[in-house]
Amino acid sequence: MNQIKVGAFLSYLIIGLNNIIGLLYTPFMLRMMGQTEYGLYSLVVSVVAYLTVFDLGFGNAIVRYTAKMRAENNKEKQYEMFGIFLLLYSFIGFITFCIGFIIIGHVNTLFKVTMSVEEMDKVRIMLMLMICNLAFTFPMSIFGSIITAYENFVFQKLVNLVRIILNPVVMIIMLLIGYRAIGMVVVVTIFNVLTLLMNAWFCFYKLKIKIRLRKSSFDWPFLKEISIYSFWIFLNAIIDRIYWDSGQFILGMFTGVSVIAVYAVALQLVNIYKGFSTAISGLFLPRVTAMVTNNEGNDKISELFIRIGRIQYIILAFILSGFIVFGRVFIRFWAGPDYAQSYYIALLLFIPLLIPLIQNIGITVLQAKNKMKFRSILYLVVSICSLGISVPLAKLYGGIGCALGTAFALVIGQIIIMNIYYHKRVGLDMIAFWKEIGKMSVIPIVLSLLGCLLLYYVQLDSWGMFVLIVFVFSVVYIFLFWFKGMNQYERDLFMKPIQKMQKKNI
């Protein structure tokens, strides 16, 4: 229990540190690297991200089945399973290595229209480093999954915490010395290898695990069960890659590295935005799962779905409203005037993302009711359609075109079709949900319009003035939303932690 509590605390600390360090470190990195180098780095990261889908969802399977075998006190079966997965992942690493070098051999074909000879040479070097890194990561990744299954969260989180802090420090030193994109890849590779080796050390010397590989270990019915379990996770990984990494690859083929850099900055902001929703929903997942497992009625599940959706909306609507009003000025100060288009790209993704982010508890309901198949197939079809739309749009409008393609997929798949499915097939009361969200939306919409009108007449030329205006906007927004947008349950939810702290201090 202490491992879980401390691990949970460290998880939220990691989320906060990631966001803070990202916001503080990114402007320095962008200015030191320049658009071209940052664009090259972002492109290579997005290309290699596609190869990570070869995990095939086995990492999650290791966690699940190790936990199951530990509960059954079947150590020998565990060790045999570890041997099977080590062999599987070694083979996957070899296949990844081969595919990666095929990609390296076709860099000229893919990017000759948009890149110079020097830029393509840098892409080859970075791809080579990152592909070797990934090929090594696959077989070594089983140790991280084992640590998770053994519920030793503190060690893993502390290693990640140290990595998060040290990584930008070393990066800054490398940038000051004069290294750019290739130097960043080298640093990422070194930190990744060290982390993987530490996980292996912990498994062998602290958890005392063993890896056994015998002919009798290959239990084909068991492997079939694992494959079926892993398939839907694998499918969702493919969908994520299409949604969030295809844009940079498409831009690399049809536009240029500067456009990729602008798009990558927008995606960084999108990831921070998404993180706020995940952090909130994670607190409620056990309760939702228990309700569904205990066969409680759809009315109670809908009530909780609406309640959690409202709480998420309180946070995300505030962030979205602030970004609509101040996002353009923030990006100009933070990233620089060359990244002005990042505002419009991010906005095209922020707005449609709001709905699936405040409904992500629905995913837990689908998992508990064993109805993930429809969602996975739907998202795959819609994401492929999005990819097809993004190519011509990217040729015409660059990064904005890619964002339009992704926004289209979000609206059709994750908003319209999934809301109908939740209502008709899952039994959630989506009409009541939208009535609640509609009532809450008046203040964000009105203040966003008034804020944009105000900035049309007020020129923000310094960080000091910017922070002051954002503070005033936030105070007005929170005051109005507190009394007109939130109900008593939500006000109590926010006030109880403060009241507890006050009682402790008395």
Protein backbone atom coordinates (compact mmCIF):
# COMPACT_ATOMS: atom_id res chain seq x y z
CA MET A 1 0.00 0.00 0.00
CA ASN A 2 2.88 2.37 0.76
CA GLN A 3 4.37 1.59 -2.65
CA ILE A 4 1.04 2.53 -4.27
CA LYS A 5 0.60 5.75 -2.26
CA VAL A 6 4.16 6.96 -2.77
CA GLY A 7 4.09 5.81 -6.39
CA ALA A 8 0.88 7.78 -6.99
CA PHE A 9 2.40 10.89 -5.40
CA LEU A 10 5.55 10.53 -7.53
CA SER A 11 3.41 10.03 -10.66
CA TYR A 12 1.72 13.40 -10.20
CA LEU A 13 5.04 14.99 -9.27
CA ILE A 14 6.48 13.65 -12.55
CA ILE A 15 3.52 15.04 -14.52
CA GLY A 16 3.97 18.46 -12.91
CA LEU A 17 7.75 18.49 -13.36
CA ASN A 18 7.44 17.37 -16.98
CA ASN A 19 5.12 20.28 -17.75
CA ILE A 20 7.12 22.88 -15.84
CA ILE A 21 10.50 21.79 -17.23
CA GLY A 22 9.03 21.53 -20.72
CA LEU A 23 7.64 25.08 -20.57
CA LEU A 24 10.88 26.54 -19.15
CA TYR A 25 13.37 24.51 -21.19
CA THR A 26 11.64 24.59 -24.61
CA PRO A 27 12.16 28.33 -25.35
CA PHE A 28 15.91 28.00 -24.67
CA MET A 29 16.12 24.87 -26.81
CA LEU A 30 14.19 26.42 -29.71
CA ARG A 31 16.40 29.50 -29.78
CA MET A 32 19.65 27.56 -29.46
CA MET A 33 18.74 24.96 -32.06
CA GLY A 34 16.84 27.08 -34.56
CA GLN A 35 13.80 25.95 -36.54
CA THR A 36 15.74 23.76 -38.97
CA GLU A 37 17.55 21.65 -36.35
CA TYR A 38 14.46 21.36 -34.14
CA GLY A 39 12.39 20.38 -37.16
CA LEU A 40 14.90 17.63 -38.06
CA TYR A 41 14.89 16.32 -34.49
CA SER A 42 11.06 16.31 -34.31
CA LEU A 43 10.81 14.53 -37.65
CA VAL A 44 13.19 11.74 -36.62
CA VAL A 45 11.37 11.27 -33.29
CA SER A 46 8.03 10.97 -35.11
CA VAL A 47 9.43 8.44 -37.63
CA VAL A 48 10.94 6.25 -34.90
CA ALA A 49 7.69 6.51 -32.89
CA TYR A 50 6.00 4.47 -35.61
CA LEU A 51 8.39 1.59 -34.93
CA THR A 52 7.42 1.53 -31.24
CA VAL A 53 4.09 -0.09 -32.23
CA PHE A 54 6.05 -3.34 -32.67
CA ASP A 55 5.72 -3.66 -28.89
CA LEU A 56 2.42 -5.29 -29.97
CA GLY A 57 0.90 -4.61 -26.55
CA PHE A 58 3.08 -7.28 -24.92
CA GLY A 59 4.33 -4.87 -22.22
CA ASN A 60 0.84 -4.62 -20.78
CA ALA A 61 0.44 -8.40 -21.08
CA ILE A 62 3.64 -8.98 -19.04
CA VAL A 63 2.25 -6.82 -16.23
CA ARG A 64 -1.13 -8.51 -16.22
CA TYR A 65 0.03 -12.13 -16.37
CA THR A 66 2.96 -11.64 -13.98
CA ALA A 67 0.54 -10.20 -11.41
CA LYS A 68 -1.80 -13.16 -12.02
CA MET A 69 0.99 -15.74 -11.57
CA ARG A 70 2.25 -13.99 -8.44
CA ALA A 71 -1.23 -14.23 -6.96
CA GLU A 72 -1.16 -17.97 -7.80
CA ASN A 73 2.37 -18.21 -6.30
CA ASN A 74 3.61 -19.84 -9.51
CA LYS A 75 7.23 -18.64 -9.75
CA GLU A 76 8.44 -21.22 -12.27
CA LYS A 77 5.66 -20.29 -14.70
CA GLN A 78 6.65 -16.62 -14.29
CA TYR A 79 10.30 -17.29 -15.07
CA GLU A 80 9.39 -19.34 -18.14
CA MET A 81 7.09 -16.57 -19.33
CA PHE A 82 9.91 -14.02 -18.91
CA GLY A 83 12.11 -16.23 -21.08
CA ILE A 84 9.45 -16.40 -23.81
CA PHE A 85 8.95 -12.64 -23.80
CA LEU A 86 12.71 -11.98 -23.83
CA LEU A 87 13.00 -14.18 -26.92
CA LEU A 88 9.97 -12.53 -28.56
CA TYR A 89 11.23 -9.03 -27.83
CA SER A 90 14.73 -9.88 -29.06
CA PHE A 91 13.20 -11.01 -32.35
CA ILE A 92 11.06 -7.82 -32.47
CA GLY A 93 14.21 -5.76 -31.81
CA PHE A 94 15.98 -7.46 -34.71
CA ILE A 95 13.01 -6.86 -37.06
CA THR A 96 12.85 -3.22 -35.93
CA PHE A 97 16.58 -2.85 -36.62
CA CYS A 98 16.14 -4.22 -40.16
CA ILE A 99 13.10 -2.05 -40.95
CA GLY A 100 14.88 0.99 -39.54
CA PHE A 101 17.84 0.52 -41.84
CA ILE A 102 15.50 0.13 -44.81
CA ILE A 103 14.03 3.54 -43.86
CA ILE A 104 17.55 5.00 -43.60
CA GLY A 105 18.29 3.70 -47.08
CA HIS A 106 15.23 5.53 -48.46
CA VAL A 107 15.78 8.92 -46.79
CA ASN A 108 16.67 10.44 -50.18
CA THR A 109 13.47 9.14 -51.76
CA LEU A 110 11.27 10.37 -48.91
CA PHE A 111 12.72 13.82 -48.26
CA LYS A 112 14.77 14.91 -51.29
CA VAL A 113 12.09 17.42 -52.31
CA THR A 114 12.12 19.31 -48.99
CA MET A 115 15.65 18.82 -47.59
CA SER A 116 19.22 19.65 -48.51
CA VAL A 117 21.95 16.98 -48.72
CA GLU A 118 23.35 18.10 -45.34
CA GLU A 119 19.93 17.86 -43.67
CA MET A 120 19.37 14.35 -45.04
CA ASP A 121 22.80 13.27 -43.75
CA LYS A 122 21.82 14.47 -40.26
CA VAL A 123 18.52 12.61 -40.50
CA ARG A 124 20.39 9.39 -41.35
CA ILE A 125 22.74 9.73 -38.36
CA MET A 126 19.88 10.47 -35.94
CA LEU A 127 17.78 7.62 -37.33
CA MET A 128 20.70 5.21 -36.96
CA LEU A 129 21.20 6.18 -33.30
CA MET A 130 17.52 6.06 -32.40
CA ILE A 131 16.87 2.77 -34.23
CA CYS A 132 19.79 1.09 -32.42
CA ASN A 133 18.38 2.56 -29.20
CA LEU A 134 14.92 1.13 -29.96
CA ALA A 135 16.28 -2.29 -30.96
CA PHE A 136 18.05 -2.46 -27.58
CA THR A 137 14.97 -1.14 -25.75
CA PHE A 138 12.58 -3.88 -26.87
CA PRO A 139 14.24 -6.89 -25.15
CA MET A 140 15.26 -4.77 -22.14
CA SER A 141 11.74 -3.35 -21.68
CA ILE A 142 10.51 -6.56 -20.04
CA PHE A 143 12.33 -5.55 -16.84
CA GLY A 144 10.33 -2.32 -16.49
CA SER A 145 7.10 -4.31 -16.93
CA ILE A 146 8.23 -6.83 -14.30
CA ILE A 147 8.95 -4.05 -11.79
CA THR A 148 5.46 -2.65 -12.39
CA ALA A 149 3.87 -6.09 -11.97
CA TYR A 150 5.78 -6.55 -8.69
CA GLU A 151 4.35 -3.16 -7.58
CA ASN A 152 7.77 -1.66 -6.88
CA PHE A 153 6.58 1.72 -8.12
CA VAL A 154 8.88 3.86 -6.00
CA PHE A 155 12.13 2.66 -7.61
CA GLN A 156 10.75 3.13 -11.13
CA LYS A 157 9.30 6.56 -10.41
CA LEU A 158 12.47 7.78 -8.69
CA VAL A 159 14.57 6.70 -11.69
CA ASN A 160 12.17 8.57 -14.01
CA LEU A 161 12.24 11.60 -11.73
CA VAL A 162 16.05 11.76 -11.78
CA ARG A 163 16.00 11.30 -15.56
CA ILE A 164 13.48 14.11 -16.03
CA ILE A 165 15.67 16.51 -14.01
CA LEU A 166 19.06 15.48 -15.44
CA ASN A 167 17.98 15.24 -19.07
CA PRO A 168 17.39 18.98 -19.67
CA VAL A 169 20.48 19.89 -17.60
CA VAL A 170 22.72 17.75 -19.84
CA MET A 171 20.85 18.98 -22.94
CA ILE A 172 21.48 22.61 -21.99
CA ILE A 173 25.21 21.91 -21.54
CA MET A 174 25.32 20.18 -24.96
CA LEU A 175 23.50 23.09 -26.62
CA LEU A 176 25.83 25.65 -25.02
CA ILE A 177 28.87 23.70 -26.24
CA GLY A 178 27.47 23.83 -29.76
CA TYR A 179 25.79 20.46 -30.33
CA ARG A 180 22.34 20.56 -31.86
CA ALA A 181 19.91 17.87 -33.02
CA ILE A 182 22.42 14.99 -33.17
CA GLY A 183 23.70 15.88 -29.68
CA MET A 184 20.14 15.70 -28.33
CA VAL A 185 19.67 12.23 -29.81
CA VAL A 186 22.94 11.06 -28.23
CA VAL A 187 21.83 12.33 -24.80
CA VAL A 188 18.39 10.68 -25.11
CA THR A 189 20.05 7.39 -26.12
CA ILE A 190 22.51 7.41 -23.19
CA PHE A 191 19.79 8.15 -20.61
CA ASN A 192 17.54 5.46 -22.06
CA VAL A 193 20.27 2.79 -21.99
CA LEU A 194 21.20 3.67 -18.39
CA THR A 195 17.54 3.49 -17.29
CA LEU A 196 17.06 0.08 -18.93
CA LEU A 197 20.24 -1.31 -17.34
CA MET A 198 19.14 -0.05 -13.90
CA ASN A 199 15.76 -1.79 -14.33
CA ALA A 200 17.54 -5.05 -15.22
CA TRP A 201 19.84 -4.73 -12.19
CA PHE A 202 16.84 -4.13 -9.90
CA CYS A 203 15.01 -7.20 -11.26
CA PHE A 204 17.96 -9.57 -10.85
CA TYR A 205 19.50 -8.32 -7.61
CA LYS A 206 16.52 -6.91 -5.68
CA LEU A 207 13.50 -8.85 -6.94
CA LYS A 208 15.61 -12.00 -7.48
CA ILE A 209 13.79 -12.90 -10.67
CA LYS A 210 15.12 -15.53 -13.05
CA ILE A 211 14.71 -16.00 -16.78
CA ARG A 212 14.25 -19.55 -18.03
CA LEU A 213 13.75 -20.72 -21.57
CA ARG A 214 12.86 -24.35 -22.16
CA LYS A 215 11.17 -26.10 -25.03
CA SER A 216 8.31 -26.95 -22.69
CA SER A 217 7.88 -23.23 -21.93
CA PHE A 218 6.05 -22.65 -25.20
CA ASP A 219 2.49 -23.17 -24.04
CA TRP A 220 0.64 -22.38 -27.28
CA PRO A 221 -2.85 -21.93 -25.77
CA PHE A 222 -1.30 -19.50 -23.27
CA LEU A 223 0.51 -17.62 -26.08
CA LYS A 224 -2.78 -17.43 -28.00
CA GLU A 225 -4.51 -15.97 -24.93
CA ILE A 226 -1.76 -13.35 -24.56
CA SER A 227 -1.93 -12.48 -28.27
CA ILE A 228 -5.69 -11.90 -28.16
CA TYR A 229 -5.35 -9.75 -25.02
CA SER A 230 -2.50 -7.73 -26.56
CA PHE A 231 -4.13 -7.20 -29.95
CA TRP A 232 -6.50 -4.40 -28.95
CA ILE A 233 -3.73 -2.59 -27.07
CA PHE A 234 -1.56 -2.91 -30.19
CA LEU A 235 -4.39 -1.54 -32.34
CA ASN A 236 -4.80 1.49 -30.06
CA ALA A 237 -1.02 2.12 -30.27
CA ILE A 238 -1.26 2.21 -34.07
CA ILE A 239 -4.15 4.66 -33.86
CA ASP A 240 -2.21 6.96 -31.52
CA ARG A 241 0.76 6.97 -33.90
CA ILE A 242 -1.47 7.83 -36.87
CA TYR A 243 -3.21 10.60 -34.94
CA TRP A 244 -0.20 12.29 -33.37
CA ASP A 245 2.91 11.39 -35.40
CA SER A 246 1.76 11.19 -39.01
CA GLY A 247 1.54 14.98 -39.32
CA GLN A 248 5.28 15.53 -38.88
CA PHE A 249 6.11 12.74 -41.33
CA ILE A 250 3.71 14.12 -43.95
CA LEU A 251 5.09 17.62 -43.50
CA GLY A 252 8.62 16.24 -43.86
CA MET A 253 7.71 14.80 -47.25
CA PHE A 254 5.77 17.74 -48.68
CA THR A 255 6.80 20.97 -46.93
CA GLY A 256 10.03 21.40 -44.96
CA VAL A 257 11.72 21.14 -41.57
CA SER A 258 10.71 24.64 -40.45
CA VAL A 259 7.04 23.72 -40.80
CA ILE A 260 7.69 20.52 -38.83
CA ALA A 261 9.21 22.58 -36.00
CA VAL A 262 6.11 24.81 -35.84
CA TYR A 263 3.84 21.76 -35.81
CA ALA A 264 5.94 20.06 -33.11
CA VAL A 265 5.63 23.09 -30.78
CA ALA A 266 1.83 22.93 -31.17
CA LEU A 267 1.85 19.21 -30.34
CA GLN A 268 3.89 19.86 -27.21
CA LEU A 269 1.18 22.22 -25.96
CA VAL A 270 -1.50 19.67 -26.91
CA ASN A 271 0.26 16.99 -24.82
CA ILE A 272 0.28 19.29 -21.78
CA TYR A 273 -3.44 19.98 -22.33
CA LYS A 274 -4.19 16.23 -22.53
CA GLY A 275 -2.20 15.57 -19.36
CA PHE A 276 -4.60 17.60 -17.20
CA SER A 277 -7.51 15.34 -18.18
CA THR A 278 -5.60 12.11 -17.60
CA ALA A 279 -4.44 13.24 -14.16
CA ILE A 280 -8.03 13.93 -13.06
CA SER A 281 -9.66 10.80 -14.52
CA GLY A 282 -7.01 8.52 -13.01
CA LEU A 283 -8.34 9.31 -9.53
CA PHE A 284 -11.77 7.88 -10.38
CA LEU A 285 -10.84 4.78 -12.40
CA PRO A 286 -10.99 2.24 -9.52
CA ARG A 287 -14.44 3.46 -8.49
CA VAL A 288 -15.84 3.28 -12.05
CA THR A 289 -14.42 -0.20 -12.54
CA ALA A 290 -15.95 -1.40 -9.25
CA MET A 291 -19.39 -0.01 -10.18
CA VAL A 292 -19.40 -1.75 -13.56
CA THR A 293 -18.01 -5.00 -12.12
CA ASN A 294 -20.71 -5.02 -9.40
CA ASN A 295 -23.40 -4.62 -12.08
CA GLU A 296 -24.70 -1.33 -10.74
CA GLY A 297 -27.36 0.24 -12.95
CA ASN A 298 -26.66 2.46 -15.94
CA ASP A 299 -28.35 5.36 -14.12
CA LYS A 300 -25.69 5.35 -11.40
CA ILE A 301 -22.86 4.93 -13.90
CA SER A 302 -24.28 7.79 -16.01
CA GLU A 303 -24.51 9.96 -12.92
CA LEU A 304 -20.83 9.35 -12.13
CA PHE A 305 -19.89 9.81 -15.80
CA ILE A 306 -21.58 13.24 -15.80
CA ARG A 307 -20.09 14.20 -12.44
CA ILE A 308 -16.53 13.37 -13.52
CA GLY A 309 -17.08 14.99 -16.93
CA ARG A 310 -18.15 18.22 -15.22
CA ILE A 311 -15.05 18.22 -12.98
CA GLN A 312 -12.78 17.69 -15.99
CA TYR A 313 -14.65 20.40 -17.89
CA ILE A 314 -14.05 22.90 -15.05
CA ILE A 315 -10.28 22.55 -15.52
CA LEU A 316 -10.08 22.08 -19.29
CA ALA A 317 -12.57 24.83 -20.19
CA PHE A 318 -10.49 27.27 -18.12
CA ILE A 319 -7.30 26.21 -19.94
CA LEU A 320 -9.00 26.33 -23.35
CA SER A 321 -10.55 29.76 -22.72
CA GLY A 322 -7.20 31.14 -21.56
CA PHE A 323 -5.44 29.68 -24.60
CA ILE A 324 -8.04 31.12 -27.01
CA VAL A 325 -7.51 34.59 -25.56
CA PHE A 326 -3.80 34.58 -24.69
CA GLY A 327 -2.32 31.67 -26.65
CA ARG A 328 -1.11 33.73 -29.59
CA VAL A 329 0.71 36.23 -27.35
CA PHE A 330 2.09 33.43 -25.14
CA ILE A 331 3.60 31.58 -28.11
CA ARG A 332 5.15 34.80 -29.41
CA PHE A 333 6.88 35.42 -26.05
CA TRP A 334 7.60 31.76 -25.25
CA ALA A 335 8.71 30.22 -28.56
CA GLY A 336 9.31 33.33 -30.68
CA PRO A 337 7.54 35.08 -33.58
CA ASP A 338 8.66 32.35 -36.03
CA TYR A 339 6.26 29.96 -34.30
CA ALA A 340 3.14 32.15 -34.58
CA GLN A 341 1.28 29.53 -36.64
CA SER A 342 1.63 27.04 -33.76
CA TYR A 343 -1.25 28.90 -32.09
CA TYR A 344 -3.72 28.11 -34.88
CA ILE A 345 -2.52 24.50 -35.17
CA ALA A 346 -2.87 23.96 -31.42
CA LEU A 347 -6.28 25.64 -31.36
CA LEU A 348 -7.56 23.37 -34.13
CA LEU A 349 -6.64 20.41 -31.91
CA PHE A 350 -7.53 21.89 -28.50
CA ILE A 351 -11.19 22.58 -29.35
CA PRO A 352 -12.29 19.13 -30.65
CA LEU A 353 -10.05 17.36 -28.10
CA LEU A 354 -12.05 18.94 -25.26
CA ILE A 355 -14.95 16.50 -25.73
CA PRO A 356 -13.08 13.15 -25.68
CA LEU A 357 -10.94 14.45 -22.80
CA ILE A 358 -13.96 15.15 -20.59
CA GLN A 359 -15.47 11.78 -21.60
CA ASN A 360 -12.39 9.57 -21.11
CA ILE A 361 -14.02 7.78 -18.16
CA GLY A 362 -16.16 6.22 -20.89
CA ILE A 363 -13.10 4.19 -21.95
CA THR A 364 -13.03 2.57 -18.50
CA VAL A 365 -16.73 1.76 -18.78
CA LEU A 366 -16.11 0.15 -22.19
CA GLN A 367 -13.22 -1.91 -20.81
CA ALA A 368 -15.27 -3.11 -17.84
CA LYS A 369 -18.21 -3.99 -20.11
CA ASN A 370 -15.87 -5.64 -22.66
CA LYS A 371 -17.01 -3.30 -25.45
CA MET A 372 -13.62 -1.93 -26.56
CA LYS A 373 -13.75 -3.68 -29.95
CA PHE A 374 -16.12 -1.15 -31.54
CA ARG A 375 -14.11 1.83 -30.32
CA SER A 376 -10.79 0.39 -31.52
CA ILE A 377 -12.07 -0.48 -35.00
CA LEU A 378 -13.87 2.86 -35.33
CA TYR A 379 -10.78 4.86 -34.33
CA LEU A 380 -8.59 2.88 -36.73
CA VAL A 381 -10.91 3.53 -39.68
CA VAL A 382 -11.35 7.22 -38.84
CA SER A 383 -7.60 7.74 -38.27
CA ILE A 384 -6.78 6.20 -41.66
CA CYS A 385 -9.37 8.51 -43.28
CA SER A 386 -7.76 11.40 -41.39
CA LEU A 387 -4.37 10.38 -42.79
CA GLY A 388 -5.77 10.36 -46.32
CA ILE A 389 -7.29 13.83 -45.85
CA SER A 390 -4.16 15.26 -44.22
CA VAL A 391 -1.90 14.60 -47.22
CA PRO A 392 -3.68 16.93 -49.73
CA LEU A 393 -4.42 19.46 -46.96
CA ALA A 394 -0.73 19.51 -45.92
CA LYS A 395 0.29 20.21 -49.53
CA LEU A 396 -2.13 23.15 -49.63
CA TYR A 397 -1.93 24.59 -46.10
CA GLY A 398 1.13 23.01 -44.41
CA GLY A 399 0.80 22.43 -40.64
CA ILE A 400 -2.70 23.92 -40.54
CA GLY A 401 -3.77 21.34 -43.13
CA CYS A 402 -2.46 18.45 -41.01
CA ALA A 403 -4.26 19.83 -37.96
CA LEU A 404 -7.50 20.10 -39.97
CA GLY A 405 -7.21 16.41 -40.94
CA THR A 406 -6.73 15.37 -37.30
CA ALA A 407 -9.53 17.68 -36.10
CA PHE A 408 -11.88 16.11 -38.67
CA ALA A 409 -11.10 12.64 -37.30
CA LEU A 410 -11.67 13.79 -33.72
CA VAL A 411 -15.06 15.35 -34.54
CA ILE A 412 -16.40 12.42 -36.60
CA GLY A 413 -15.00 9.53 -34.57
CA GLN A 414 -14.44 10.60 -30.99
CA ILE A 415 -17.32 13.08 -30.73
CA ILE A 416 -20.26 12.29 -33.03
CA ILE A 417 -20.09 8.49 -33.47
CA MET A 418 -18.80 7.68 -29.95
CA ASN A 419 -21.45 9.85 -28.28
CA ILE A 420 -24.16 7.99 -30.22
CA TYR A 421 -22.56 4.67 -29.25
CA TYR A 422 -22.31 5.64 -25.57
CA HIS A 423 -25.99 6.57 -25.58
CA LYS A 424 -27.46 3.76 -27.70
CA ARG A 425 -25.24 0.76 -26.90
CA VAL A 426 -23.46 1.42 -23.60
CA GLY A 427 -26.48 2.91 -21.83
CA LEU A 428 -24.96 6.22 -20.73
CA ASP A 429 -27.35 9.20 -20.62
CA MET A 430 -25.55 11.47 -23.09
CA ILE A 431 -28.51 13.84 -23.41
CA ALA A 432 -28.27 14.67 -19.70
CA PHE A 433 -24.48 14.95 -20.05
CA TRP A 434 -24.74 17.53 -22.83
CA LYS A 435 -27.39 19.53 -20.96
CA GLU A 436 -24.97 19.85 -18.02
CA ILE A 437 -22.01 20.80 -20.24
CA GLY A 438 -24.18 23.26 -22.16
CA LYS A 439 -25.14 25.11 -18.95
CA MET A 440 -21.50 25.26 -17.88
CA SER A 441 -20.33 26.59 -21.27
CA VAL A 442 -21.95 30.03 -21.12
CA ILE A 443 -19.23 31.65 -18.97
CA PRO A 444 -16.22 30.25 -20.94
CA ILE A 445 -17.74 31.29 -24.28
CA VAL A 446 -18.70 34.81 -23.16
CA LEU A 447 -15.36 35.47 -21.42
CA SER A 448 -13.40 34.10 -24.39
CA LEU A 449 -15.20 36.49 -26.74
CA LEU A 450 -14.78 39.45 -24.39
CA GLY A 451 -11.11 38.58 -23.81
CA CYS A 452 -10.36 38.43 -27.54
CA LEU A 453 -12.14 41.76 -28.01
CA LEU A 454 -10.10 43.31 -25.19
CA LEU A 455 -6.77 42.09 -26.65
CA TYR A 456 -7.75 43.63 -29.98
CA TYR A 457 -7.42 47.06 -28.32
CA VAL A 458 -4.73 46.30 -25.70
CA GLN A 459 -1.16 45.66 -26.87
CA LEU A 460 0.84 43.26 -24.68
CA ASP A 461 4.54 44.07 -25.16
CA SER A 462 6.13 42.54 -22.05
CA TRP A 463 5.95 39.44 -19.85
CA GLY A 464 4.95 41.63 -16.91
CA MET A 465 1.90 43.06 -18.67
CA PHE A 466 1.02 39.63 -20.05
CA VAL A 467 1.09 37.99 -16.58
CA LEU A 468 -0.98 40.84 -15.10
CA ILE A 469 -3.72 40.58 -17.74
CA VAL A 470 -3.80 36.76 -17.48
CA PHE A 471 -4.10 37.08 -13.68
CA VAL A 472 -7.04 39.52 -13.97
CA PHE A 473 -8.75 37.28 -16.55
CA SER A 474 -8.24 34.22 -14.30
CA VAL A 475 -9.66 35.95 -11.21
CA VAL A 476 -12.78 37.10 -13.12
CA TYR A 477 -13.21 33.67 -14.74
CA ILE A 478 -12.81 31.72 -11.47
CA PHE A 479 -15.12 34.11 -9.56
CA LEU A 480 -17.93 33.83 -12.15
CA PHE A 481 -17.50 30.08 -12.64
CA TRP A 482 -17.40 29.43 -8.89
CA PHE A 483 -20.81 31.03 -8.31
CA LYS A 484 -22.55 30.44 -11.66
CA GLY A 485 -20.86 27.42 -13.30
CA MET A 486 -20.14 25.01 -10.41
CA ASN A 487 -22.54 23.17 -8.11
CA GLN A 488 -22.12 22.69 -4.35
CA TYR A 489 -20.53 19.25 -4.71
CA GLU A 490 -17.82 20.68 -7.00
CA ARG A 491 -17.16 23.65 -4.72
CA ASP A 492 -16.80 21.28 -1.76
CA LEU A 493 -14.44 19.08 -3.77
CA PHE A 494 -12.08 21.99 -4.31
CA MET A 495 -12.45 23.45 -0.81
CA LYS A 496 -12.03 20.29 1.32
CA PRO A 497 -8.26 19.89 0.72
CA ILE A 498 -7.75 23.56 1.65
CA GLN A 499 -9.88 23.20 4.78
CA LYS A 500 -7.94 20.07 5.83
CA MET A 501 -4.64 21.91 5.45
CA GLN A 502 -5.98 24.81 7.52
CA LYS A 503 -7.06 22.41 10.33
CA LYS A 504 -3.60 20.81 10.39
CA ASN A 505 -1.93 24.21 10.72
CA ILE A 506 -4.18 25.29 13.62
